[in-house]
Amino acid sequence: QLLTAVRCRHGLELECLRMKEETSNIEEATSVLRSGIDDIHQQTRQLQQKFDEEQVPIYASHDVTTKLYTMKSEATLERAQTKKRRREEKLSYLSDMTKRQHEETKNMREEHERLRENILALDELEEEEDEDLVSLNMQIKSVLEKKAALRSSL
């Protein structure tokens, strides 16, 4: 029973370590994405500087600005969708973990109750055995006293 409890605890510790590893992986992915975003921002600035000089009619600047705005909007939308998808996956994972931990808690409570009942039963049995030993001890003493009284009378 103690071994089962230790195994459960080790299982929980293992899951915690896995969660830490996943967190570090997510942080690494986030830093990679941020560096990619910085590169895109730099490219955008370069494109804006390049197209700020109007080499074509007046509408070329507006066209470039519109395209840049469209690109930024699409990138923002993609980031938001990715963020939403990751959040949903994490929530699903956390929900599963919560259900699993609730079940483990329920099992541990049942085991605790069973152990408590066993302890109570063993305590009662010990008390009965103690009473039996006391009565046997008293009987032995009375027999020895009778024997000593008989010897002294003879």
C-alpha atoms as a PDB file:
ATOM      1  CA  GLN A   1       0.000   0.000   0.000  1.00  0.00           C
ATOM      2  CA  LEU A   2       2.824   2.317   0.852  1.00  0.00           C
ATOM      3  CA  LEU A   3       4.543   1.258  -2.361  1.00  0.00           C
ATOM      4  CA  THR A   4       1.407   2.173  -4.313  1.00  0.00           C
ATOM      5  CA  ALA A   5       1.326   5.599  -2.669  1.00  0.00           C
ATOM      6  CA  VAL A   6       5.020   6.113  -3.483  1.00  0.00           C
ATOM      7  CA  ARG A   7       4.428   5.051  -7.070  1.00  0.00           C
ATOM      8  CA  CYS A   8       1.542   7.510  -7.362  1.00  0.00           C
ATOM      9  CA  ARG A   9       3.726  10.259  -5.977  1.00  0.00           C
ATOM     10  CA  HIS A  10       6.556   9.424  -8.368  1.00  0.00           C
ATOM     11  CA  GLY A  11       4.033   9.431 -11.208  1.00  0.00           C
ATOM     12  CA  LEU A  12       2.896  12.917 -10.225  1.00  0.00           C
ATOM     13  CA  GLU A  13       6.494  14.111  -9.980  1.00  0.00           C
ATOM     14  CA  LEU A  14       7.176  12.678 -13.435  1.00  0.00           C
ATOM     15  CA  GLU A  15       4.181  14.541 -14.843  1.00  0.00           C
ATOM     16  CA  CYS A  16       5.397  17.757 -13.231  1.00  0.00           C
ATOM     17  CA  LEU A  17       8.812  17.298 -14.870  1.00  0.00           C
ATOM     18  CA  ARG A  18       7.140  16.700 -18.225  1.00  0.00           C
ATOM     19  CA  MET A  19       5.098  19.861 -17.793  1.00  0.00           C
ATOM     20  CA  LYS A  20       8.281  21.844 -17.010  1.00  0.00           C
ATOM     21  CA  GLU A  21       9.913  20.427 -20.126  1.00  0.00           C
ATOM     22  CA  GLU A  22       6.906  21.368 -22.245  1.00  0.00           C
ATOM     23  CA  THR A  23       6.991  24.862 -20.765  1.00  0.00           C
ATOM     24  CA  SER A  24      10.639  25.287 -21.701  1.00  0.00           C
ATOM     25  CA  ASN A  25       9.884  23.996 -25.229  1.00  0.00           C
ATOM     26  CA  ILE A  26       7.045  26.511 -25.542  1.00  0.00           C
ATOM     27  CA  GLU A  27       9.322  29.311 -24.335  1.00  0.00           C
ATOM     28  CA  GLU A  28      11.955  28.329 -26.895  1.00  0.00           C
ATOM     29  CA  ALA A  29       9.339  28.288 -29.655  1.00  0.00           C
ATOM     30  CA  THR A  30       8.108  31.690 -28.519  1.00  0.00           C
ATOM     31  CA  SER A  31      11.613  33.171 -28.671  1.00  0.00           C
ATOM     32  CA  VAL A  32      12.069  31.735 -32.182  1.00  0.00           C
ATOM     33  CA  LEU A  33       8.757  33.265 -33.254  1.00  0.00           C
ATOM     34  CA  ARG A  34       9.713  36.614 -31.743  1.00  0.00           C
ATOM     35  CA  SER A  35      12.994  36.647 -33.649  1.00  0.00           C
ATOM     36  CA  GLY A  36      11.038  35.827 -36.826  1.00  0.00           C
ATOM     37  CA  ILE A  37       8.651  38.678 -36.109  1.00  0.00           C
ATOM     38  CA  ASP A  38      11.592  41.031 -35.592  1.00  0.00           C
ATOM     39  CA  ASP A  39      12.966  39.943 -38.990  1.00  0.00           C
ATOM     40  CA  ILE A  40       9.566  40.609 -40.604  1.00  0.00           C
ATOM     41  CA  HIS A  41       9.408  44.051 -38.965  1.00  0.00           C
ATOM     42  CA  GLN A  42      12.870  44.841 -40.265  1.00  0.00           C
ATOM     43  CA  GLN A  43      11.932  43.699 -43.778  1.00  0.00           C
ATOM     44  CA  THR A  44       8.761  45.798 -43.562  1.00  0.00           C
ATOM     45  CA  ARG A  45      10.777  48.892 -42.582  1.00  0.00           C
ATOM     46  CA  GLN A  46      13.172  48.246 -45.452  1.00  0.00           C
ATOM     47  CA  LEU A  47      10.284  47.902 -47.882  1.00  0.00           C
ATOM     48  CA  GLN A  48       8.685  51.096 -46.578  1.00  0.00           C
ATOM     49  CA  GLN A  49      11.971  52.980 -46.993  1.00  0.00           C
ATOM     50  CA  LYS A  50      12.406  51.522 -50.458  1.00  0.00           C
ATOM     51  CA  PHE A  51       8.919  52.440 -51.576  1.00  0.00           C
ATOM     52  CA  ASP A  52       8.810  55.825 -49.844  1.00  0.00           C
ATOM     53  CA  GLU A  53      10.566  57.213 -52.877  1.00  0.00           C
ATOM     54  CA  GLU A  54       7.841  57.566 -55.440  1.00  0.00           C
ATOM     55  CA  GLN A  55       9.206  56.341 -58.700  1.00  0.00           C
ATOM     56  CA  VAL A  56       5.842  55.715 -60.263  1.00  0.00           C
ATOM     57  CA  PRO A  57       2.599  57.674 -60.223  1.00  0.00           C
ATOM     58  CA  ILE A  58       0.986  58.854 -56.974  1.00  0.00           C
ATOM     59  CA  TYR A  59      -1.038  55.655 -56.536  1.00  0.00           C
ATOM     60  CA  ALA A  60       2.063  53.451 -56.211  1.00  0.00           C
ATOM     61  CA  SER A  61       2.709  54.654 -52.656  1.00  0.00           C
ATOM     62  CA  HIS A  62      -0.920  53.994 -51.716  1.00  0.00           C
ATOM     63  CA  ASP A  63      -0.732  50.543 -53.323  1.00  0.00           C
ATOM     64  CA  VAL A  64       2.424  49.672 -51.371  1.00  0.00           C
ATOM     65  CA  THR A  65       0.932  50.996 -48.123  1.00  0.00           C
ATOM     66  CA  THR A  66      -2.199  48.920 -48.742  1.00  0.00           C
ATOM     67  CA  LYS A  67      -0.152  45.806 -49.451  1.00  0.00           C
ATOM     68  CA  LEU A  68       1.981  46.368 -46.344  1.00  0.00           C
ATOM     69  CA  TYR A  69      -1.145  46.851 -44.257  1.00  0.00           C
ATOM     70  CA  THR A  70      -2.617  43.658 -45.744  1.00  0.00           C
ATOM     71  CA  MET A  71       0.582  41.736 -44.978  1.00  0.00           C
ATOM     72  CA  LYS A  72       0.624  43.046 -41.401  1.00  0.00           C
ATOM     73  CA  SER A  73      -3.044  42.185 -40.960  1.00  0.00           C
ATOM     74  CA  GLU A  74      -2.563  38.666 -42.286  1.00  0.00           C
ATOM     75  CA  ALA A  75       0.466  38.127 -40.046  1.00  0.00           C
ATOM     76  CA  THR A  76      -1.479  39.431 -37.034  1.00  0.00           C
ATOM     77  CA  LEU A  77      -4.413  37.174 -37.880  1.00  0.00           C
ATOM     78  CA  GLU A  78      -2.128  34.154 -38.234  1.00  0.00           C
ATOM     79  CA  ARG A  79      -0.439  34.902 -34.902  1.00  0.00           C
ATOM     80  CA  ALA A  80      -3.823  35.274 -33.206  1.00  0.00           C
ATOM     81  CA  GLN A  81      -5.065  31.985 -34.674  1.00  0.00           C
ATOM     82  CA  THR A  82      -1.880  30.204 -33.613  1.00  0.00           C
ATOM     83  CA  LYS A  83      -2.146  31.687 -30.135  1.00  0.00           C
ATOM     84  CA  LYS A  84      -5.792  30.629 -29.889  1.00  0.00           C
ATOM     85  CA  ARG A  85      -4.995  27.101 -31.085  1.00  0.00           C
ATOM     86  CA  ARG A  86      -2.155  26.758 -28.565  1.00  0.00           C
ATOM     87  CA  ARG A  87      -4.360  28.083 -25.783  1.00  0.00           C
ATOM     88  CA  GLU A  88      -7.080  25.557 -26.664  1.00  0.00           C
ATOM     89  CA  GLU A  89      -4.550  22.715 -26.717  1.00  0.00           C
ATOM     90  CA  LYS A  90      -3.136  23.784 -23.367  1.00  0.00           C
ATOM     91  CA  LEU A  91      -6.622  24.112 -21.857  1.00  0.00           C
ATOM     92  CA  SER A  92      -7.497  20.652 -23.126  1.00  0.00           C
ATOM     93  CA  TYR A  93      -4.294  19.253 -21.641  1.00  0.00           C
ATOM     94  CA  LEU A  94      -4.919  20.987 -18.319  1.00  0.00           C
ATOM     95  CA  SER A  95      -8.499  19.727 -18.292  1.00  0.00           C
ATOM     96  CA  ASP A  96      -7.294  16.167 -18.816  1.00  0.00           C
ATOM     97  CA  MET A  97      -4.689  16.595 -16.087  1.00  0.00           C
ATOM     98  CA  THR A  98      -7.342  17.948 -13.708  1.00  0.00           C
ATOM     99  CA  LYS A  99      -9.625  14.985 -14.377  1.00  0.00           C
ATOM    100  CA  ARG A 100      -6.731  12.575 -13.843  1.00  0.00           C
ATOM    101  CA  GLN A 101      -5.719  14.263 -10.609  1.00  0.00           C
ATOM    102  CA  HIS A 102      -9.322  14.261  -9.353  1.00  0.00           C
ATOM    103  CA  GLU A 103      -9.476  10.540 -10.004  1.00  0.00           C
ATOM    104  CA  GLU A 104      -6.146   9.974  -8.249  1.00  0.00           C
ATOM    105  CA  THR A 105      -7.359  12.038  -5.303  1.00  0.00           C
ATOM    106  CA  LYS A 106     -10.538   9.996  -5.117  1.00  0.00           C
ATOM    107  CA  ASN A 107      -8.534   6.761  -5.186  1.00  0.00           C
ATOM    108  CA  MET A 108      -6.191   8.050  -2.490  1.00  0.00           C
ATOM    109  CA  ARG A 109      -9.150   9.043  -0.297  1.00  0.00           C
ATOM    110  CA  GLU A 110     -10.688   5.590  -0.720  1.00  0.00           C
ATOM    111  CA  GLU A 111      -7.364   3.977   0.156  1.00  0.00           C
ATOM    112  CA  HIS A 112      -6.992   6.263   3.171  1.00  0.00           C
ATOM    113  CA  GLU A 113     -10.476   5.313   4.400  1.00  0.00           C
ATOM    114  CA  ARG A 114      -9.760   1.619   3.899  1.00  0.00           C
ATOM    115  CA  LEU A 115      -6.464   1.926   5.793  1.00  0.00           C
ATOM    116  CA  ARG A 116      -8.184   3.798   8.615  1.00  0.00           C
ATOM    117  CA  GLU A 117     -10.791   1.028   8.900  1.00  0.00           C
ATOM    118  CA  ASN A 118      -8.028  -1.600   8.947  1.00  0.00           C
ATOM    119  CA  ILE A 119      -6.193   0.296  11.683  1.00  0.00           C
ATOM    120  CA  LEU A 120      -9.361   0.516  13.786  1.00  0.00           C
ATOM    121  CA  ALA A 121     -10.001  -3.201  13.353  1.00  0.00           C
ATOM    122  CA  LEU A 122      -6.414  -4.019  14.315  1.00  0.00           C
ATOM    123  CA  ASP A 123      -6.659  -1.738  17.372  1.00  0.00           C
ATOM    124  CA  GLU A 124      -9.809  -3.559  18.506  1.00  0.00           C
ATOM    125  CA  LEU A 125      -8.133  -6.924  17.948  1.00  0.00           C
ATOM    126  CA  GLU A 126      -5.094  -5.769  19.940  1.00  0.00           C
ATOM    127  CA  GLU A 127      -7.305  -4.634  22.818  1.00  0.00           C
ATOM    128  CA  GLU A 128      -9.091  -8.023  22.853  1.00  0.00           C
ATOM    129  CA  GLU A 129      -5.751  -9.838  22.845  1.00  0.00           C
ATOM    130  CA  ASP A 130      -4.481  -7.599  25.662  1.00  0.00           C
ATOM    131  CA  GLU A 131      -7.591  -8.397  27.710  1.00  0.00           C
ATOM    132  CA  ASP A 132      -7.102 -12.133  27.051  1.00  0.00           C
ATOM    133  CA  LEU A 133      -3.449 -11.879  28.118  1.00  0.00           C
ATOM    134  CA  VAL A 134      -4.398 -10.019  31.310  1.00  0.00           C
ATOM    135  CA  SER A 135      -7.014 -12.639  32.210  1.00  0.00           C
ATOM    136  CA  LEU A 136      -4.542 -15.473  31.479  1.00  0.00           C
ATOM    137  CA  ASN A 137      -1.916 -13.732  33.590  1.00  0.00           C
ATOM    138  CA  MET A 138      -4.402 -13.414  36.446  1.00  0.00           C
ATOM    139  CA  GLN A 139      -5.340 -17.096  36.133  1.00  0.00           C
ATOM    140  CA  ILE A 140      -1.671 -18.110  36.157  1.00  0.00           C
ATOM    141  CA  LYS A 141      -1.059 -15.972  39.269  1.00  0.00           C
ATOM    142  CA  SER A 142      -4.057 -17.480  41.067  1.00  0.00           C
ATOM    143  CA  VAL A 143      -2.934 -21.019  40.168  1.00  0.00           C
ATOM    144  CA  LEU A 144       0.603 -20.237  41.381  1.00  0.00           C
ATOM    145  CA  GLU A 145      -0.790 -18.752  44.608  1.00  0.00           C
ATOM    146  CA  LYS A 146      -2.929 -21.868  45.170  1.00  0.00           C
ATOM    147  CA  LYS A 147       0.081 -24.053  44.470  1.00  0.00           C
ATOM    148  CA  ALA A 148       2.205 -22.044  46.904  1.00  0.00           C
ATOM    149  CA  ALA A 149      -0.595 -22.207  49.510  1.00  0.00           C
ATOM    150  CA  LEU A 150      -0.837 -25.989  49.069  1.00  0.00           C
ATOM    151  CA  ARG A 151       2.934 -26.401  49.439  1.00  0.00           C
ATOM    152  CA  SER A 152       3.017 -24.252  52.527  1.00  0.00           C
ATOM    153  CA  SER A 153       0.124 -26.187  54.060  1.00  0.00           C
ATOM    154  CA  LEU A 154       1.904 -29.486  53.423  1.00  0.00           C
END
